[in-house]
PDB file of N, CA and C in Angstrom:
ATOM      1  N   MET A   1     152.168 116.191 126.792  1.00  0.00           N
ATOM      2  CA  MET A   1     152.186 117.554 126.291  1.00  0.00           C
ATOM      3  C   MET A   1     151.148 117.771 125.185  1.00  0.00           C
ATOM      4  N   PRO A   2     150.862 116.785 124.324  1.00  0.00           N
ATOM      5  CA  PRO A   2     149.854 117.051 123.291  1.00  0.00           C
ATOM      6  C   PRO A   2     148.484 117.431 123.864  1.00  0.00           C
ATOM      7  N   VAL A   3     148.072 116.815 124.952  1.00  0.00           N
ATOM      8  CA  VAL A   3     146.776 117.154 125.560  1.00  0.00           C
ATOM      9  C   VAL A   3     146.834 118.575 126.117  1.00  0.00           C
ATOM     10  N   LEU A   4     147.907 118.916 126.786  1.00  0.00           N
ATOM     11  CA  LEU A   4     148.045 120.259 127.339  1.00  0.00           C
ATOM     12  C   LEU A   4     148.141 121.297 126.222  1.00  0.00           C
ATOM     13  N   ASP A   5     148.865 120.958 125.153  1.00  0.00           N
ATOM     14  CA  ASP A   5     148.956 121.873 124.013  1.00  0.00           C
ATOM     15  C   ASP A   5     147.581 122.147 123.421  1.00  0.00           C
ATOM     16  N   LEU A   6     146.784 121.118 123.280  1.00  0.00           N
ATOM     17  CA  LEU A   6     145.470 121.238 122.658  1.00  0.00           C
ATOM     18  C   LEU A   6     144.479 122.009 123.523  1.00  0.00           C
ATOM     19  N   HIS A   7     144.469 121.754 124.809  1.00  0.00           N
ATOM     20  CA  HIS A   7     143.429 122.307 125.667  1.00  0.00           C
ATOM     21  C   HIS A   7     143.865 123.457 126.574  1.00  0.00           C
ATOM     22  N   CYS A   8     145.149 123.606 126.829  1.00  0.00           N
ATOM     23  CA  CYS A   8     145.590 124.537 127.869  1.00  0.00           C
ATOM     24  C   CYS A   8     146.505 125.655 127.382  1.00  0.00           C
ATOM     25  N   LYS A   9     147.225 125.404 126.325  1.00  0.00           N
ATOM     26  CA  LYS A   9     148.304 126.310 125.930  1.00  0.00           C
ATOM     27  C   LYS A   9     147.812 127.692 125.516  1.00  0.00           C
ATOM     28  N   GLU A  10     146.608 127.779 124.992  1.00  0.00           N
ATOM     29  CA  GLU A  10     146.110 129.084 124.560  1.00  0.00           C
ATOM     30  C   GLU A  10     146.131 130.101 125.706  1.00  0.00           C
ATOM     31  N   CYS A  11     145.764 129.668 126.895  1.00  0.00           N
ATOM     32  CA  CYS A  11     145.743 130.566 128.066  1.00  0.00           C
ATOM     33  C   CYS A  11     147.010 130.465 128.917  1.00  0.00           C
ATOM     34  N   HIS A  12     147.614 129.279 128.949  1.00  0.00           N
ATOM     35  CA  HIS A  12     148.758 129.042 129.837  1.00  0.00           C
ATOM     36  C   HIS A  12     150.072 129.014 129.059  1.00  0.00           C
ATOM     37  N   LYS A  13     150.331 130.148 128.390  1.00  0.00           N
ATOM     38  CA  LYS A  13     151.591 130.379 127.687  1.00  0.00           C
ATOM     39  C   LYS A  13     152.071 131.769 128.077  1.00  0.00           C
ATOM     40  N   ALA A  14     153.272 132.112 127.690  1.00  0.00           N
ATOM     41  CA  ALA A  14     153.803 133.439 128.007  1.00  0.00           C
ATOM     42  C   ALA A  14     152.827 134.503 127.509  1.00  0.00           C
ATOM     43  N   GLY A  15     152.413 135.370 128.411  1.00  0.00           N
ATOM     44  CA  GLY A  15     151.484 136.433 128.068  1.00  0.00           C
ATOM     45  C   GLY A  15     150.019 136.016 128.067  1.00  0.00           C
ATOM     46  N   GLY A  16     149.742 134.723 128.252  1.00  0.00           N
ATOM     47  CA  GLY A  16     148.365 134.238 128.278  1.00  0.00           C
ATOM     48  C   GLY A  16     147.674 134.599 129.580  1.00  0.00           C
ATOM     49  N   THR A  17     146.358 134.702 129.541  1.00  0.00           N
ATOM     50  CA  THR A  17     145.614 135.103 130.736  1.00  0.00           C
ATOM     51  C   THR A  17     145.785 134.113 131.882  1.00  0.00           C
ATOM     52  N   GLY A  18     145.828 132.831 131.581  1.00  0.00           N
ATOM     53  CA  GLY A  18     146.008 131.832 132.635  1.00  0.00           C
ATOM     54  C   GLY A  18     147.365 131.939 133.295  1.00  0.00           C
ATOM     55  N   THR A  19     148.385 132.175 132.496  1.00  0.00           N
ATOM     56  CA  THR A  19     149.735 132.321 133.051  1.00  0.00           C
ATOM     57  C   THR A  19     149.847 133.612 133.836  1.00  0.00           C
ATOM     58  N   GLU A  20     149.246 134.675 133.330  1.00  0.00           N
ATOM     59  CA  GLU A  20     149.289 135.954 134.042  1.00  0.00           C
ATOM     60  C   GLU A  20     148.613 135.855 135.403  1.00  0.00           C
ATOM     61  N   LYS A  21     147.502 135.138 135.488  1.00  0.00           N
ATOM     62  CA  LYS A  21     146.752 135.034 136.744  1.00  0.00           C
ATOM     63  C   LYS A  21     147.387 134.073 137.739  1.00  0.00           C
ATOM     64  N   SER A  22     147.923 132.950 137.236  1.00  0.00           N
ATOM     65  CA  SER A  22     148.379 131.897 138.149  1.00  0.00           C
ATOM     66  C   SER A  22     149.888 131.680 138.171  1.00  0.00           C
ATOM     67  N   GLY A  23     150.554 132.122 137.124  1.00  0.00           N
ATOM     68  CA  GLY A  23     151.972 131.831 136.998  1.00  0.00           C
ATOM     69  C   GLY A  23     152.228 130.460 136.398  1.00  0.00           C
ATOM     70  N   PHE A  24     151.167 129.755 135.992  1.00  0.00           N
ATOM     71  CA  PHE A  24     151.308 128.403 135.449  1.00  0.00           C
ATOM     72  C   PHE A  24     151.367 128.434 133.936  1.00  0.00           C
ATOM     73  N   SER A  25     152.453 127.884 133.391  1.00  0.00           N
ATOM     74  CA  SER A  25     152.658 127.790 131.949  1.00  0.00           C
ATOM     75  C   SER A  25     152.784 126.323 131.561  1.00  0.00           C
ATOM     76  N   VAL A  26     152.195 125.969 130.427  1.00  0.00           N
ATOM     77  CA  VAL A  26     152.318 124.600 129.923  1.00  0.00           C
ATOM     78  C   VAL A  26     153.188 124.552 128.665  1.00  0.00           C
ATOM     79  N   GLU A  27     154.024 125.550 128.478  1.00  0.00           N
ATOM     80  CA  GLU A  27     154.844 125.623 127.266  1.00  0.00           C
ATOM     81  C   GLU A  27     155.936 124.559 127.221  1.00  0.00           C
ATOM     82  N   THR A  28     156.452 124.174 128.368  1.00  0.00           N
ATOM     83  CA  THR A  28     157.518 123.174 128.396  1.00  0.00           C
ATOM     84  C   THR A  28     157.290 122.232 129.571  1.00  0.00           C
ATOM     85  N   TYR A  29     157.967 121.109 129.540  1.00  0.00           N
ATOM     86  CA  TYR A  29     157.920 120.178 130.674  1.00  0.00           C
ATOM     87  C   TYR A  29     158.345 120.886 131.956  1.00  0.00           C
ATOM     88  N   ASP A  30     159.444 121.634 131.883  1.00  0.00           N
ATOM     89  CA  ASP A  30     159.952 122.327 133.068  1.00  0.00           C
ATOM     90  C   ASP A  30     158.946 123.329 133.623  1.00  0.00           C
ATOM     91  N   SER A  31     158.244 124.028 132.732  1.00  0.00           N
ATOM     92  CA  SER A  31     157.266 125.001 133.229  1.00  0.00           C
ATOM     93  C   SER A  31     156.067 124.304 133.873  1.00  0.00           C
ATOM     94  N   VAL A  32     155.651 123.169 133.331  1.00  0.00           N
ATOM     95  CA  VAL A  32     154.565 122.400 133.951  1.00  0.00           C
ATOM     96  C   VAL A  32     154.990 121.951 135.343  1.00  0.00           C
ATOM     97  N   MET A  33     156.195 121.439 135.448  1.00  0.00           N
ATOM     98  CA  MET A  33     156.678 120.931 136.729  1.00  0.00           C
ATOM     99  C   MET A  33     156.973 122.056 137.726  1.00  0.00           C
ATOM    100  N   ALA A  34     157.206 123.273 137.244  1.00  0.00           N
ATOM    101  CA  ALA A  34     157.455 124.411 138.139  1.00  0.00           C
ATOM    102  C   ALA A  34     156.183 124.816 138.881  1.00  0.00           C
ATOM    103  N   GLY A  35     155.031 124.538 138.287  1.00  0.00           N
ATOM    104  CA  GLY A  35     153.767 124.829 138.960  1.00  0.00           C
ATOM    105  C   GLY A  35     153.332 126.269 138.843  1.00  0.00           C
ATOM    106  N   THR A  36     152.671 126.752 139.894  1.00  0.00           N
ATOM    107  CA  THR A  36     152.104 128.100 139.903  1.00  0.00           C
ATOM    108  C   THR A  36     152.813 128.954 140.941  1.00  0.00           C
ATOM    109  N   THR A  37     152.329 130.160 141.063  1.00  0.00           N
ATOM    110  CA  THR A  37     152.867 131.045 142.097  1.00  0.00           C
ATOM    111  C   THR A  37     152.522 130.521 143.490  1.00  0.00           C
ATOM    112  N   LEU A  38     151.555 129.610 143.577  1.00  0.00           N
ATOM    113  CA  LEU A  38     151.143 129.056 144.871  1.00  0.00           C
ATOM    114  C   LEU A  38     151.730 127.680 145.160  1.00  0.00           C
ATOM    115  N   GLY A  39     152.416 127.093 144.187  1.00  0.00           N
ATOM    116  CA  GLY A  39     153.013 125.790 144.430  1.00  0.00           C
ATOM    117  C   GLY A  39     152.889 124.850 143.256  1.00  0.00           C
ATOM    118  N   PRO A  40     153.247 123.583 143.463  1.00  0.00           N
ATOM    119  CA  PRO A  40     153.267 122.614 142.372  1.00  0.00           C
ATOM    120  C   PRO A  40     151.866 122.270 141.866  1.00  0.00           C
ATOM    121  N   MET A  41     151.805 121.927 140.593  1.00  0.00           N
ATOM    122  CA  MET A  41     150.563 121.446 139.980  1.00  0.00           C
ATOM    123  C   MET A  41     150.592 119.937 139.830  1.00  0.00           C
ATOM    124  N   VAL A  42     151.805 119.371 139.822  1.00  0.00           N
ATOM    125  CA  VAL A  42     151.972 117.933 139.616  1.00  0.00           C
ATOM    126  C   VAL A  42     152.752 117.352 140.790  1.00  0.00           C
ATOM    127  N   VAL A  43     152.188 116.319 141.397  1.00  0.00           N
ATOM    128  CA  VAL A  43     152.892 115.552 142.422  1.00  0.00           C
ATOM    129  C   VAL A  43     153.195 114.207 141.777  1.00  0.00           C
ATOM    130  N   ALA A  44     154.423 114.057 141.323  1.00  0.00           N
ATOM    131  CA  ALA A  44     154.808 112.845 140.585  1.00  0.00           C
ATOM    132  C   ALA A  44     154.429 111.597 141.370  1.00  0.00           C
ATOM    133  N   GLY A  45     153.725 110.694 140.704  1.00  0.00           N
ATOM    134  CA  GLY A  45     153.304 109.449 141.319  1.00  0.00           C
ATOM    135  C   GLY A  45     151.961 109.516 142.020  1.00  0.00           C
ATOM    136  N   ASP A  46     151.367 110.706 142.118  1.00  0.00           N
ATOM    137  CA  ASP A  46     150.129 110.851 142.881  1.00  0.00           C
ATOM    138  C   ASP A  46     149.132 111.779 142.173  1.00  0.00           C
ATOM    139  N   PRO A  47     148.387 111.255 141.218  1.00  0.00           N
ATOM    140  CA  PRO A  47     147.445 112.107 140.487  1.00  0.00           C
ATOM    141  C   PRO A  47     146.373 112.735 141.382  1.00  0.00           C
ATOM    142  N   LEU A  48     145.951 112.045 142.420  1.00  0.00           N
ATOM    143  CA  LEU A  48     144.889 112.577 143.269  1.00  0.00           C
ATOM    144  C   LEU A  48     145.351 113.746 144.128  1.00  0.00           C
ATOM    145  N   SER A  49     146.658 113.898 144.293  1.00  0.00           N
ATOM    146  CA  SER A  49     147.214 115.058 144.995  1.00  0.00           C
ATOM    147  C   SER A  49     147.721 116.120 144.031  1.00  0.00           C
ATOM    148  N   SER A  50     147.575 115.868 142.741  1.00  0.00           N
ATOM    149  CA  SER A  50     148.061 116.783 141.708  1.00  0.00           C
ATOM    150  C   SER A  50     146.939 117.705 141.256  1.00  0.00           C
ATOM    151  N   ASN A  51     147.110 118.978 141.496  1.00  0.00           N
ATOM    152  CA  ASN A  51     146.088 119.940 141.110  1.00  0.00           C
ATOM    153  C   ASN A  51     145.816 119.924 139.609  1.00  0.00           C
ATOM    154  N   LEU A  52     146.814 119.689 138.810  1.00  0.00           N
ATOM    155  CA  LEU A  52     146.597 119.623 137.365  1.00  0.00           C
ATOM    156  C   LEU A  52     145.546 118.568 137.046  1.00  0.00           C
ATOM    157  N   TYR A  53     145.720 117.372 137.554  1.00  0.00           N
ATOM    158  CA  TYR A  53     144.752 116.305 137.279  1.00  0.00           C
ATOM    159  C   TYR A  53     143.385 116.644 137.871  1.00  0.00           C
ATOM    160  N   ARG A  54     143.358 117.089 139.092  1.00  0.00           N
ATOM    161  CA  ARG A  54     142.075 117.363 139.753  1.00  0.00           C
ATOM    162  C   ARG A  54     141.297 118.449 139.030  1.00  0.00           C
ATOM    163  N   MET A  55     141.997 119.447 138.488  1.00  0.00           N
ATOM    164  CA  MET A  55     141.307 120.521 137.769  1.00  0.00           C
ATOM    165  C   MET A  55     140.738 120.045 136.433  1.00  0.00           C
ATOM    166  N   VAL A  56     141.508 119.273 135.684  1.00  0.00           N
ATOM    167  CA  VAL A  56     140.997 118.808 134.386  1.00  0.00           C
ATOM    168  C   VAL A  56     140.001 117.674 134.548  1.00  0.00           C
ATOM    169  N   ALA A  57     140.062 116.953 135.671  1.00  0.00           N
ATOM    170  CA  ALA A  57     139.096 115.883 135.939  1.00  0.00           C
ATOM    171  C   ALA A  57     137.825 116.448 136.566  1.00  0.00           C
ATOM    172  N   ARG A  58     137.819 117.777 136.807  1.00  0.00           N
ATOM    173  CA  ARG A  58     136.644 118.477 137.335  1.00  0.00           C
ATOM    174  C   ARG A  58     136.315 118.041 138.760  1.00  0.00           C
ATOM    175  N   GLU A  59     137.361 117.730 139.531  1.00  0.00           N
ATOM    176  CA  GLU A  59     137.203 117.295 140.920  1.00  0.00           C
ATOM    177  C   GLU A  59     137.402 118.433 141.914  1.00  0.00           C
ATOM    178  N   VAL A  60     137.270 119.640 141.430  1.00  0.00           N
ATOM    179  CA  VAL A  60     137.456 120.831 142.260  1.00  0.00           C
ATOM    180  C   VAL A  60     136.247 121.755 142.072  1.00  0.00           C
ATOM    181  N   ASP A  61     136.200 122.816 142.849  1.00  0.00           N
ATOM    182  CA  ASP A  61     135.136 123.797 142.709  1.00  0.00           C
ATOM    183  C   ASP A  61     135.035 124.260 141.254  1.00  0.00           C
ATOM    184  N   LYS A  62     133.818 124.474 140.788  1.00  0.00           N
ATOM    185  CA  LYS A  62     133.632 124.815 139.368  1.00  0.00           C
ATOM    186  C   LYS A  62     134.324 126.112 138.963  1.00  0.00           C
ATOM    187  N   SER A  63     134.626 126.970 139.910  1.00  0.00           N
ATOM    188  CA  SER A  63     135.299 128.233 139.576  1.00  0.00           C
ATOM    189  C   SER A  63     136.745 128.027 139.127  1.00  0.00           C
ATOM    190  N   ILE A  64     137.341 126.877 139.461  1.00  0.00           N
ATOM    191  CA  ILE A  64     138.733 126.644 139.061  1.00  0.00           C
ATOM    192  C   ILE A  64     138.897 125.402 138.183  1.00  0.00           C
ATOM    193  N   ARG A  65     137.802 124.840 137.723  1.00  0.00           N
ATOM    194  CA  ARG A  65     137.896 123.706 136.797  1.00  0.00           C
ATOM    195  C   ARG A  65     138.511 124.166 135.489  1.00  0.00           C
ATOM    196  N   MET A  66     139.255 123.280 134.892  1.00  0.00           N
ATOM    197  CA  MET A  66     139.917 123.605 133.636  1.00  0.00           C
ATOM    198  C   MET A  66     139.488 122.622 132.554  1.00  0.00           C
ATOM    199  N   PRO A  67     139.500 123.081 131.331  1.00  0.00           N
ATOM    200  CA  PRO A  67     139.736 124.459 130.899  1.00  0.00           C
ATOM    201  C   PRO A  67     138.492 125.327 131.093  1.00  0.00           C
ATOM    202  N   HIS A  68     138.723 126.595 131.428  1.00  0.00           N
ATOM    203  CA  HIS A  68     137.621 127.549 131.613  1.00  0.00           C
ATOM    204  C   HIS A  68     136.913 127.782 130.285  1.00  0.00           C
ATOM    205  N   GLY A  69     135.608 127.766 130.322  1.00  0.00           N
ATOM    206  CA  GLY A  69     134.825 128.120 129.142  1.00  0.00           C
ATOM    207  C   GLY A  69     134.964 127.174 127.968  1.00  0.00           C
ATOM    208  N   GLU A  70     135.588 126.055 128.174  1.00  0.00           N
ATOM    209  CA  GLU A  70     135.787 125.080 127.104  1.00  0.00           C
ATOM    210  C   GLU A  70     135.112 123.775 127.504  1.00  0.00           C
ATOM    211  N   SER A  71     134.960 122.907 126.541  1.00  0.00           N
ATOM    212  CA  SER A  71     134.410 121.596 126.875  1.00  0.00           C
ATOM    213  C   SER A  71     135.439 120.824 127.699  1.00  0.00           C
ATOM    214  N   THR A  72     134.953 119.880 128.447  1.00  0.00           N
ATOM    215  CA  THR A  72     135.839 119.099 129.295  1.00  0.00           C
ATOM    216  C   THR A  72     136.745 118.215 128.451  1.00  0.00           C
ATOM    217  N   LEU A  73     137.836 117.807 129.046  1.00  0.00           N
ATOM    218  CA  LEU A  73     138.699 116.844 128.379  1.00  0.00           C
ATOM    219  C   LEU A  73     137.955 115.516 128.298  1.00  0.00           C
ATOM    220  N   SER A  74     138.246 114.772 127.253  1.00  0.00           N
ATOM    221  CA  SER A  74     137.613 113.469 127.109  1.00  0.00           C
ATOM    222  C   SER A  74     138.102 112.528 128.208  1.00  0.00           C
ATOM    223  N   ILE A  75     137.379 111.452 128.395  1.00  0.00           N
ATOM    224  CA  ILE A  75     137.785 110.441 129.379  1.00  0.00           C
ATOM    225  C   ILE A  75     139.187 109.945 129.051  1.00  0.00           C
ATOM    226  N   GLU A  76     139.470 109.756 127.779  1.00  0.00           N
ATOM    227  CA  GLU A  76     140.781 109.263 127.358  1.00  0.00           C
ATOM    228  C   GLU A  76     141.879 110.277 127.661  1.00  0.00           C
ATOM    229  N   GLU A  77     141.604 111.566 127.413  1.00  0.00           N
ATOM    230  CA  GLU A  77     142.597 112.603 127.686  1.00  0.00           C
ATOM    231  C   GLU A  77     142.874 112.720 129.180  1.00  0.00           C
ATOM    232  N   ARG A  78     141.822 112.643 129.983  1.00  0.00           N
ATOM    233  CA  ARG A  78     142.020 112.673 131.434  1.00  0.00           C
ATOM    234  C   ARG A  78     142.826 111.464 131.898  1.00  0.00           C
ATOM    235  N   ALA A  79     142.562 110.312 131.284  1.00  0.00           N
ATOM    236  CA  ALA A  79     143.300 109.096 131.644  1.00  0.00           C
ATOM    237  C   ALA A  79     144.774 109.222 131.284  1.00  0.00           C
ATOM    238  N   VAL A  80     145.077 109.868 130.172  1.00  0.00           N
ATOM    239  CA  VAL A  80     146.478 110.064 129.770  1.00  0.00           C
ATOM    240  C   VAL A  80     147.204 110.896 130.823  1.00  0.00           C
ATOM    241  N   ILE A  81     146.591 111.989 131.259  1.00  0.00           N
ATOM    242  CA  ILE A  81     147.216 112.837 132.277  1.00  0.00           C
ATOM    243  C   ILE A  81     147.355 112.081 133.593  1.00  0.00           C
ATOM    244  N   LYS A  82     146.310 111.378 133.990  1.00  0.00           N
ATOM    245  CA  LYS A  82     146.351 110.623 135.245  1.00  0.00           C
ATOM    246  C   LYS A  82     147.446 109.557 135.202  1.00  0.00           C
ATOM    247  N   THR A  83     147.533 108.825 134.111  1.00  0.00           N
ATOM    248  CA  THR A  83     148.547 107.779 133.974  1.00  0.00           C
ATOM    249  C   THR A  83     149.952 108.375 133.965  1.00  0.00           C
ATOM    250  N   TRP A  84     150.144 109.467 133.235  1.00  0.00           N
ATOM    251  CA  TRP A  84     151.454 110.121 133.177  1.00  0.00           C
ATOM    252  C   TRP A  84     151.908 110.516 134.581  1.00  0.00           C
ATOM    253  N   ILE A  85     151.004 111.119 135.346  1.00  0.00           N
ATOM    254  CA  ILE A  85     151.362 111.516 136.713  1.00  0.00           C
ATOM    255  C   ILE A  85     151.629 110.282 137.572  1.00  0.00           C
ATOM    256  N   ALA A  86     150.744 109.292 137.496  1.00  0.00           N
ATOM    257  CA  ALA A  86     150.892 108.068 138.305  1.00  0.00           C
ATOM    258  C   ALA A  86     152.199 107.344 138.021  1.00  0.00           C
ATOM    259  N   GLU A  87     152.669 107.423 136.785  1.00  0.00           N
ATOM    260  CA  GLU A  87     153.914 106.742 136.402  1.00  0.00           C
ATOM    261  C   GLU A  87     155.149 107.604 136.682  1.00  0.00           C
ATOM    262  N   GLY A  88     154.975 108.700 137.383  1.00  0.00           N
ATOM    263  CA  GLY A  88     156.127 109.501 137.799  1.00  0.00           C
ATOM    264  C   GLY A  88     156.296 110.821 137.107  1.00  0.00           C
ATOM    265  N   ALA A  89     155.373 111.196 136.208  1.00  0.00           N
ATOM    266  CA  ALA A  89     155.431 112.494 135.511  1.00  0.00           C
ATOM    267  C   ALA A  89     156.787 112.735 134.867  1.00  0.00           C
ATOM    268  N   LEU A  90     157.257 111.734 134.139  1.00  0.00           N
ATOM    269  CA  LEU A  90     158.572 111.819 133.509  1.00  0.00           C
ATOM    270  C   LEU A  90     158.554 112.697 132.277  1.00  0.00           C
ATOM    271  N   ASN A  91     159.708 113.220 131.923  1.00  0.00           N
ATOM    272  CA  ASN A  91     159.859 114.042 130.721  1.00  0.00           C
ATOM    273  C   ASN A  91     160.092 113.109 129.527  1.00  0.00           C
ATOM    274  N   ASN A  92     159.037 112.456 129.121  1.00  0.00           N
ATOM    275  CA  ASN A  92     159.145 111.518 128.014  1.00  0.00           C
ATOM    276  C   ASN A  92     158.105 111.816 126.973  1.00  0.00           C
TER     277      ASN A  92
END
């Protein structure tokens, strides 16, 4: 959550432009796991199938890379998200 709070929460919170457009909120663990209006963002145990990881790792079309208009997450921050998902995306 600290990485998401730092890089994503400004847009992906209640009333934020990211949440308004996608339905994806990073305010709580439950909201992250709920995903978007189009489906899940996290596939527990599988970072490569998790849109959250793929977007912050910049493995998708540049129009949907996250965060928009911001610098990329550091290698360490991306690794934290990837490891969290790979280990089951637990609420810890």
